[in-house]
Amino acid sequence: ARGSYMSPTRSPSQAGDTYRFIKQQSTKLIGAGLSSPGPTQMSVGGQGVLKMSNGHQITLSAEDQELQVEISNVAAVFGDEISRRCKQKDIIKTCDALIKASGNVFENVYLAVWKLVEFTETDAMADYVQAAEAAKKCAEEGLGSAKQQTKDLFELCFGAAHAHGQFGSLIRKISQDTDTACDVPGNLKRISRILEKVMLDPKVEERGSEKVCDVVRAMLTANSMAQVTRVAHALLSCSDICICRCKDRFVEHPSYGGWRDLMINFFFIDDPNRHVCEVQVVHRKMLMARQGLPGHAVYDRARNAVEILEKMGCAKKEERVACVRAIREAEGAREGGVP
């Protein structure tokens, strides 16, 4: 993906053409998903038909089929490049250094801002913690888990396109009701980034695209923790959705680098695909701090470094020795010597 740690092995012109095509097609999928009769329309089997995981079938246009081919081509490119990166000399040391350097950039700033929020909004924190706990309990007792119903990326995008409009309407209503600012992207998540996430999953053969739950996503920006709490209550009281995951990254588990937010995943109960969507609730002070930092150029590289370590099975320190030994043995075998 452009600007990230990964870099396809294709020539720039080939990769650029493929990514532009995929980006254009992912935009078209939204229109197709919202204007078509939906996944309940049945069609006769044969070439140009997609059989959905829910048992329904969708007729594919020539462009749809071309997109399927392009996704397969790019997946092969990503797979080759990931394999090459994982075999690079000193790759673990390189990733560790990159992660440490990027963490130093963000962590101190975010921590200082969060301490200010805690100090100035003490009275609101208890209510927030209670709301986050309620959302987590709702997810644990809900009808589904935070994984997609399909392992296939192309089918995942169709499900995302079908859910996109309903998701946007709900988030904009919650934004209005809670007086928060909302950002609902007009496009689905870039397929190139989805592919990157899928191919870097250590269990890609088993899970496919099941764990990609932010193809349809939005951000709500709150001016206070009290507003964050109101958003959580609005989602909890919505009878149209099933909350399937809640990550309290404000208090319980701050994300890598010190970033804090509340992330909630859900699907619409009347959605036959049960496509899992994501809403991120952020505090404006944290967002302003992030906008003043180097941003995605650094974040993308650190994120890919973490993903590469996870792909290699050595994200945890105790896993490093075995992984390093395996790499050295492989290098010794290639060079015909003793590792």
Protein backbone atom coordinates (compact mmCIF):
# COMPACT_ATOMS: atom_id res chain seq x y z
CA ALA A 1 0.00 0.00 0.00
CA ARG A 2 1.29 3.41 -0.88
CA GLY A 3 3.22 5.01 1.98
CA SER A 4 3.42 1.86 4.06
CA TYR A 5 6.24 -0.48 5.00
CA MET A 6 5.15 -3.03 2.42
CA SER A 7 6.05 -2.44 -1.21
CA PRO A 8 4.79 -4.66 -4.07
CA THR A 9 7.39 -6.32 -6.29
CA ARG A 10 5.62 -5.21 -9.45
CA SER A 11 6.92 -2.24 -11.36
CA PRO A 12 5.47 1.12 -10.22
CA SER A 13 3.37 1.43 -13.37
CA GLN A 14 1.88 -2.06 -13.02
CA ALA A 15 1.18 -1.66 -9.31
CA GLY A 16 -0.25 1.83 -9.82
CA ASP A 17 -2.60 0.66 -12.56
CA THR A 18 -3.82 -2.23 -10.43
CA TYR A 19 -4.38 -0.08 -7.33
CA ARG A 20 -6.19 2.62 -9.32
CA PHE A 21 -8.45 -0.01 -10.84
CA ILE A 22 -9.21 -1.57 -7.47
CA LYS A 23 -9.90 1.81 -5.87
CA GLN A 24 -12.29 2.75 -8.69
CA GLN A 25 -14.04 -0.61 -8.47
CA SER A 26 -14.40 -0.50 -4.67
CA THR A 27 -16.17 2.85 -5.12
CA LYS A 28 -18.48 1.31 -7.74
CA LEU A 29 -19.28 -1.55 -5.39
CA ILE A 30 -21.00 0.90 -3.05
CA GLY A 31 -23.29 2.05 -5.84
CA ALA A 32 -23.92 -1.52 -6.96
CA GLY A 33 -24.65 -2.70 -3.45
CA LEU A 34 -27.16 0.07 -2.78
CA SER A 35 -28.96 0.11 -6.12
CA SER A 36 -29.23 -3.64 -6.72
CA PRO A 37 -32.17 -5.70 -5.39
CA GLY A 38 -29.76 -6.97 -2.74
CA PRO A 39 -28.50 -10.43 -1.82
CA THR A 40 -31.98 -11.93 -1.65
CA GLN A 41 -32.29 -11.94 -5.45
CA MET A 42 -31.62 -15.43 -6.78
CA SER A 43 -30.05 -16.24 -10.14
CA VAL A 44 -29.31 -19.34 -12.14
CA GLY A 45 -25.89 -20.88 -11.54
CA GLY A 46 -23.10 -20.66 -14.06
CA GLN A 47 -20.32 -18.31 -15.04
CA GLY A 48 -20.65 -14.79 -13.64
CA VAL A 49 -22.54 -15.82 -10.49
CA LEU A 50 -21.29 -15.36 -6.93
CA LYS A 51 -22.65 -17.80 -4.37
CA MET A 52 -22.79 -15.97 -1.03
CA SER A 53 -21.99 -17.61 2.31
CA ASN A 54 -25.62 -17.03 3.35
CA GLY A 55 -26.79 -19.29 0.50
CA HIS A 56 -27.90 -16.54 -1.88
CA GLN A 57 -26.43 -15.92 -5.31
CA ILE A 58 -25.53 -12.65 -7.06
CA THR A 59 -25.08 -12.14 -10.78
CA LEU A 60 -21.71 -10.58 -11.57
CA SER A 61 -21.11 -8.00 -14.27
CA ALA A 62 -18.04 -8.10 -16.54
CA GLU A 63 -16.43 -5.44 -14.33
CA ASP A 64 -17.16 -7.49 -11.22
CA GLN A 65 -15.42 -10.50 -12.75
CA GLU A 66 -12.49 -8.34 -13.81
CA LEU A 67 -12.20 -7.11 -10.22
CA GLN A 68 -12.10 -10.71 -8.98
CA VAL A 69 -9.15 -11.39 -11.29
CA GLU A 70 -7.35 -8.22 -10.22
CA ILE A 71 -7.78 -9.07 -6.53
CA SER A 72 -6.29 -12.50 -7.18
CA ASN A 73 -3.34 -10.96 -9.06
CA VAL A 74 -2.59 -8.42 -6.34
CA ALA A 75 -2.93 -11.08 -3.63
CA ALA A 76 -0.17 -13.05 -5.36
CA VAL A 77 2.04 -9.95 -5.47
CA PHE A 78 1.49 -9.24 -1.79
CA GLY A 79 2.14 -12.87 -0.90
CA ASP A 80 5.48 -12.89 -2.74
CA GLU A 81 6.57 -9.59 -1.21
CA ILE A 82 5.61 -10.59 2.32
CA SER A 83 7.53 -13.84 1.95
CA ARG A 84 10.57 -11.91 0.70
CA ARG A 85 10.40 -9.41 3.56
CA CYS A 86 10.13 -12.11 6.20
CA LYS A 87 13.35 -13.68 4.88
CA GLN A 88 15.38 -10.45 4.85
CA LYS A 89 18.56 -10.36 6.89
CA ASP A 90 18.03 -8.89 10.38
CA ILE A 91 14.31 -8.37 9.69
CA ILE A 92 13.37 -8.86 13.36
CA LYS A 93 15.92 -6.32 14.52
CA THR A 94 14.79 -3.87 11.82
CA CYS A 95 11.12 -4.19 12.81
CA ASP A 96 11.92 -3.82 16.51
CA ALA A 97 13.92 -0.66 15.89
CA LEU A 98 11.15 0.83 13.74
CA ILE A 99 8.47 0.05 16.32
CA LYS A 100 10.53 1.51 19.15
CA ALA A 101 11.33 4.71 17.22
CA SER A 102 7.73 5.32 16.20
CA GLY A 103 6.49 4.60 19.73
CA ASN A 104 8.77 7.31 21.08
CA VAL A 105 7.25 9.79 18.61
CA PHE A 106 3.66 9.31 19.79
CA GLU A 107 3.55 7.87 23.27
CA ASN A 108 4.72 10.82 25.37
CA VAL A 109 2.43 13.27 23.58
CA TYR A 110 -0.65 11.08 23.86
CA LEU A 111 0.02 10.31 27.52
CA ALA A 112 0.33 14.00 28.38
CA VAL A 113 -2.95 14.80 26.60
CA TRP A 114 -4.75 11.91 28.29
CA LYS A 115 -3.54 12.98 31.71
CA LEU A 116 -5.02 16.41 30.99
CA VAL A 117 -8.35 14.83 30.01
CA GLU A 118 -8.40 12.74 33.18
CA PHE A 119 -7.57 15.76 35.34
CA THR A 120 -10.18 18.07 33.82
CA GLU A 121 -12.96 15.49 33.40
CA THR A 122 -12.69 13.43 36.58
CA ASP A 123 -16.46 13.42 37.22
CA ALA A 124 -17.20 11.94 33.77
CA MET A 125 -14.73 9.06 33.92
CA ALA A 126 -16.77 6.75 36.16
CA ASP A 127 -19.83 7.04 33.89
CA TYR A 128 -17.66 6.32 30.85
CA VAL A 129 -16.11 3.20 32.41
CA GLN A 130 -19.58 1.93 33.30
CA ALA A 131 -20.84 2.50 29.74
CA ALA A 132 -17.79 0.77 28.22
CA GLU A 133 -18.31 -2.21 30.52
CA ALA A 134 -21.96 -2.39 29.48
CA ALA A 135 -20.96 -2.39 25.79
CA LYS A 136 -18.41 -5.17 26.39
CA LYS A 137 -21.01 -7.23 28.24
CA CYS A 138 -23.49 -6.66 25.42
CA ALA A 139 -20.92 -7.93 22.93
CA GLU A 140 -20.20 -11.02 25.01
CA GLU A 141 -23.89 -11.86 25.30
CA GLY A 142 -24.80 -10.90 21.72
CA LEU A 143 -25.88 -12.89 18.67
CA GLY A 144 -22.54 -12.96 16.93
CA SER A 145 -18.79 -12.50 17.15
CA ALA A 146 -16.48 -9.88 15.68
CA LYS A 147 -15.74 -11.76 12.50
CA GLN A 148 -17.23 -11.63 9.04
CA GLN A 149 -19.44 -14.42 7.74
CA THR A 150 -17.21 -14.93 4.71
CA LYS A 151 -13.53 -15.63 4.17
CA ASP A 152 -13.68 -14.37 0.59
CA LEU A 153 -12.54 -10.79 0.00
CA PHE A 154 -14.75 -10.20 -3.02
CA GLU A 155 -17.85 -11.38 -1.15
CA LEU A 156 -16.77 -9.28 1.83
CA CYS A 157 -16.84 -6.16 -0.34
CA PHE A 158 -20.31 -6.97 -1.65
CA GLY A 159 -21.56 -7.32 1.91
CA ALA A 160 -19.87 -4.04 2.83
CA ALA A 161 -21.48 -2.25 -0.08
CA HIS A 162 -24.89 -3.52 0.96
CA ALA A 163 -24.42 -2.28 4.58
CA HIS A 164 -22.74 1.05 3.79
CA GLY A 165 -25.83 3.22 3.34
CA GLN A 166 -27.68 1.95 6.41
CA PHE A 167 -24.51 2.32 8.48
CA GLY A 168 -23.99 5.93 7.35
CA SER A 169 -27.57 6.87 8.17
CA LEU A 170 -27.30 5.44 11.69
CA ILE A 171 -23.96 7.09 12.47
CA ARG A 172 -25.14 10.48 11.22
CA LYS A 173 -28.26 10.21 13.40
CA ILE A 174 -26.19 9.31 16.47
CA SER A 175 -23.86 12.21 15.67
CA GLN A 176 -26.81 14.58 15.60
CA ASP A 177 -28.37 13.15 18.78
CA THR A 178 -25.11 13.31 20.77
CA ASP A 179 -23.79 16.57 19.30
CA THR A 180 -20.59 14.89 18.10
CA ALA A 181 -18.79 15.43 14.80
CA CYS A 182 -18.94 12.50 12.39
CA ASP A 183 -16.76 11.34 9.54
CA VAL A 184 -18.33 8.60 7.41
CA PRO A 185 -16.08 7.82 4.41
CA GLY A 186 -17.90 7.76 1.09
CA ASN A 187 -15.81 4.79 -0.04
CA LEU A 188 -15.17 1.38 1.40
CA LYS A 189 -11.74 0.72 2.89
CA ARG A 190 -9.12 0.40 0.15
CA ILE A 191 -8.97 -3.16 -1.11
CA SER A 192 -5.18 -2.90 -1.28
CA ARG A 193 -5.05 -2.31 2.50
CA ILE A 194 -7.59 -5.08 3.14
CA LEU A 195 -5.40 -7.45 1.14
CA GLU A 196 -2.37 -6.34 3.12
CA LYS A 197 -4.15 -7.10 6.40
CA VAL A 198 -5.39 -10.46 5.14
CA MET A 199 -2.06 -11.63 3.69
CA LEU A 200 -0.14 -10.59 6.81
CA ASP A 201 -2.46 -12.64 9.03
CA PRO A 202 -0.49 -15.67 10.29
CA LYS A 203 -3.68 -17.73 9.91
CA VAL A 204 -4.65 -16.43 6.47
CA GLU A 205 -5.28 -19.93 5.09
CA GLU A 206 -7.73 -20.63 7.92
CA ARG A 207 -9.42 -17.24 8.33
CA GLY A 208 -9.18 -15.45 5.00
CA SER A 209 -10.85 -12.06 5.40
CA GLU A 210 -12.98 -13.01 8.42
CA LYS A 211 -11.11 -10.70 10.80
CA VAL A 212 -11.35 -7.57 8.65
CA CYS A 213 -14.14 -5.66 10.38
CA ASP A 214 -13.46 -2.07 9.27
CA VAL A 215 -14.33 -2.14 5.56
CA VAL A 216 -17.36 -0.04 6.54
CA ARG A 217 -16.21 2.40 9.21
CA ALA A 218 -16.72 5.84 10.69
CA MET A 219 -15.32 8.18 13.32
CA LEU A 220 -17.28 10.19 15.87
CA THR A 221 -15.37 13.02 17.55
CA ALA A 222 -16.48 14.01 21.04
CA ASN A 223 -15.60 17.20 22.91
CA SER A 224 -15.68 15.42 26.26
CA MET A 225 -15.77 11.99 27.86
CA ALA A 226 -19.41 12.71 28.75
CA GLN A 227 -20.14 12.86 25.02
CA VAL A 228 -18.23 9.60 24.46
CA THR A 229 -20.48 8.03 27.08
CA ARG A 230 -23.59 9.34 25.32
CA VAL A 231 -22.44 7.75 22.06
CA ALA A 232 -21.93 4.40 23.84
CA HIS A 233 -25.43 4.62 25.31
CA ALA A 234 -26.90 5.53 21.91
CA LEU A 235 -25.37 2.40 20.35
CA LEU A 236 -26.44 0.24 23.30
CA SER A 237 -30.04 1.43 23.01
CA CYS A 238 -30.25 0.93 19.22
CA SER A 239 -32.55 -2.04 18.54
CA ASP A 240 -31.45 -2.28 14.89
CA ILE A 241 -27.92 -3.49 15.62
CA CYS A 242 -26.07 -6.25 17.40
CA ILE A 243 -22.86 -5.14 19.11
CA CYS A 244 -20.26 -7.88 18.69
CA ARG A 245 -17.10 -6.23 20.03
CA CYS A 246 -16.12 -3.30 22.23
CA LYS A 247 -12.52 -2.20 22.75
CA ASP A 248 -12.06 0.31 25.55
CA ARG A 249 -8.77 1.88 24.49
CA PHE A 250 -9.32 5.01 26.57
CA VAL A 251 -8.88 3.35 29.97
CA GLU A 252 -8.47 -0.41 29.74
CA HIS A 253 -6.11 -1.10 26.82
CA PRO A 254 -4.56 1.92 25.05
CA SER A 255 -3.42 0.95 21.56
CA TYR A 256 0.17 0.81 20.41
CA GLY A 257 1.94 4.17 20.72
CA GLY A 258 -0.45 5.46 23.39
CA TRP A 259 -3.46 6.32 21.21
CA ARG A 260 -6.80 6.14 23.06
CA ASP A 261 -10.35 5.76 21.82
CA LEU A 262 -13.48 3.62 22.10
CA MET A 263 -14.00 1.17 19.24
CA ILE A 264 -17.29 -0.65 18.76
CA ASN A 265 -18.11 -3.22 16.09
CA PHE A 266 -21.65 -4.22 15.18
CA PHE A 267 -23.85 -5.58 12.41
CA PHE A 268 -27.45 -4.78 11.48
CA ILE A 269 -29.89 -7.43 12.66
CA ASP A 270 -31.81 -7.35 9.37
CA ASP A 271 -28.62 -7.72 7.28
CA PRO A 272 -28.59 -11.23 5.76
CA ASN A 273 -24.80 -10.98 5.41
CA ARG A 274 -24.27 -9.86 9.02
CA HIS A 275 -21.52 -7.58 7.75
CA VAL A 276 -19.55 -6.29 10.74
CA CYS A 277 -18.98 -2.50 10.71
CA GLU A 278 -16.81 -0.34 12.94
CA VAL A 279 -17.25 3.01 14.67
CA GLN A 280 -14.34 4.72 16.41
CA VAL A 281 -15.21 7.29 19.10
CA VAL A 282 -12.36 9.72 19.76
CA HIS A 283 -11.78 12.66 22.10
CA ARG A 284 -11.14 15.93 20.28
CA LYS A 285 -8.06 16.71 22.39
CA MET A 286 -6.50 13.37 21.40
CA LEU A 287 -7.37 13.96 17.77
CA MET A 288 -5.81 17.43 17.79
CA ALA A 289 -2.63 15.94 19.27
CA ARG A 290 -2.53 13.31 16.52
CA GLN A 291 -2.97 15.91 13.80
CA GLY A 292 0.14 17.68 15.07
CA LEU A 293 2.30 14.53 14.84
CA PRO A 294 4.00 12.94 11.79
CA GLY A 295 0.85 10.89 11.29
CA HIS A 296 0.22 8.03 8.90
CA ALA A 297 3.68 7.97 7.28
CA VAL A 298 5.16 6.82 10.60
CA TYR A 299 2.09 4.90 11.78
CA ASP A 300 1.83 2.82 8.59
CA ARG A 301 5.44 1.71 8.83
CA ALA A 302 5.18 0.78 12.51
CA ARG A 303 1.89 -1.05 11.90
CA ASN A 304 3.41 -3.11 9.09
CA ALA A 305 6.48 -3.88 11.21
CA VAL A 306 4.19 -5.29 13.93
CA GLU A 307 2.22 -7.26 11.34
CA ILE A 308 5.39 -8.74 9.84
CA LEU A 309 6.54 -9.92 13.27
CA GLU A 310 3.10 -11.45 13.86
CA LYS A 311 3.25 -13.13 10.45
CA MET A 312 6.60 -14.65 11.38
CA GLY A 313 5.19 -15.87 14.70
CA CYS A 314 7.56 -13.80 16.79
CA ALA A 315 5.56 -10.80 17.94
CA LYS A 316 6.21 -11.85 21.54
CA LYS A 317 9.74 -11.68 22.93
CA GLU A 318 9.72 -15.32 24.03
CA GLU A 319 9.00 -16.40 20.45
CA ARG A 320 12.06 -14.63 19.05
CA VAL A 321 14.74 -17.25 19.79
CA ALA A 322 13.02 -20.02 17.87
CA CYS A 323 12.25 -17.73 14.96
CA VAL A 324 15.80 -16.36 14.72
CA ARG A 325 17.18 -19.90 14.85
CA ALA A 326 14.87 -20.98 12.01
CA ILE A 327 15.93 -17.98 9.88
CA ARG A 328 19.61 -18.70 10.44
CA GLU A 329 19.14 -22.34 9.58
CA ALA A 330 17.35 -21.36 6.36
CA GLU A 331 20.12 -18.90 5.48
CA GLY A 332 22.75 -21.57 6.14
CA ALA A 333 20.89 -24.02 3.89
CA ARG A 334 20.70 -21.47 1.06
CA GLU A 335 24.38 -20.65 1.35
CA GLY A 336 25.34 -24.33 1.65
CA GLY A 337 27.12 -23.80 4.94
CA VAL A 338 26.65 -24.41 8.62
CA PRO A 339 24.24 -21.94 10.35
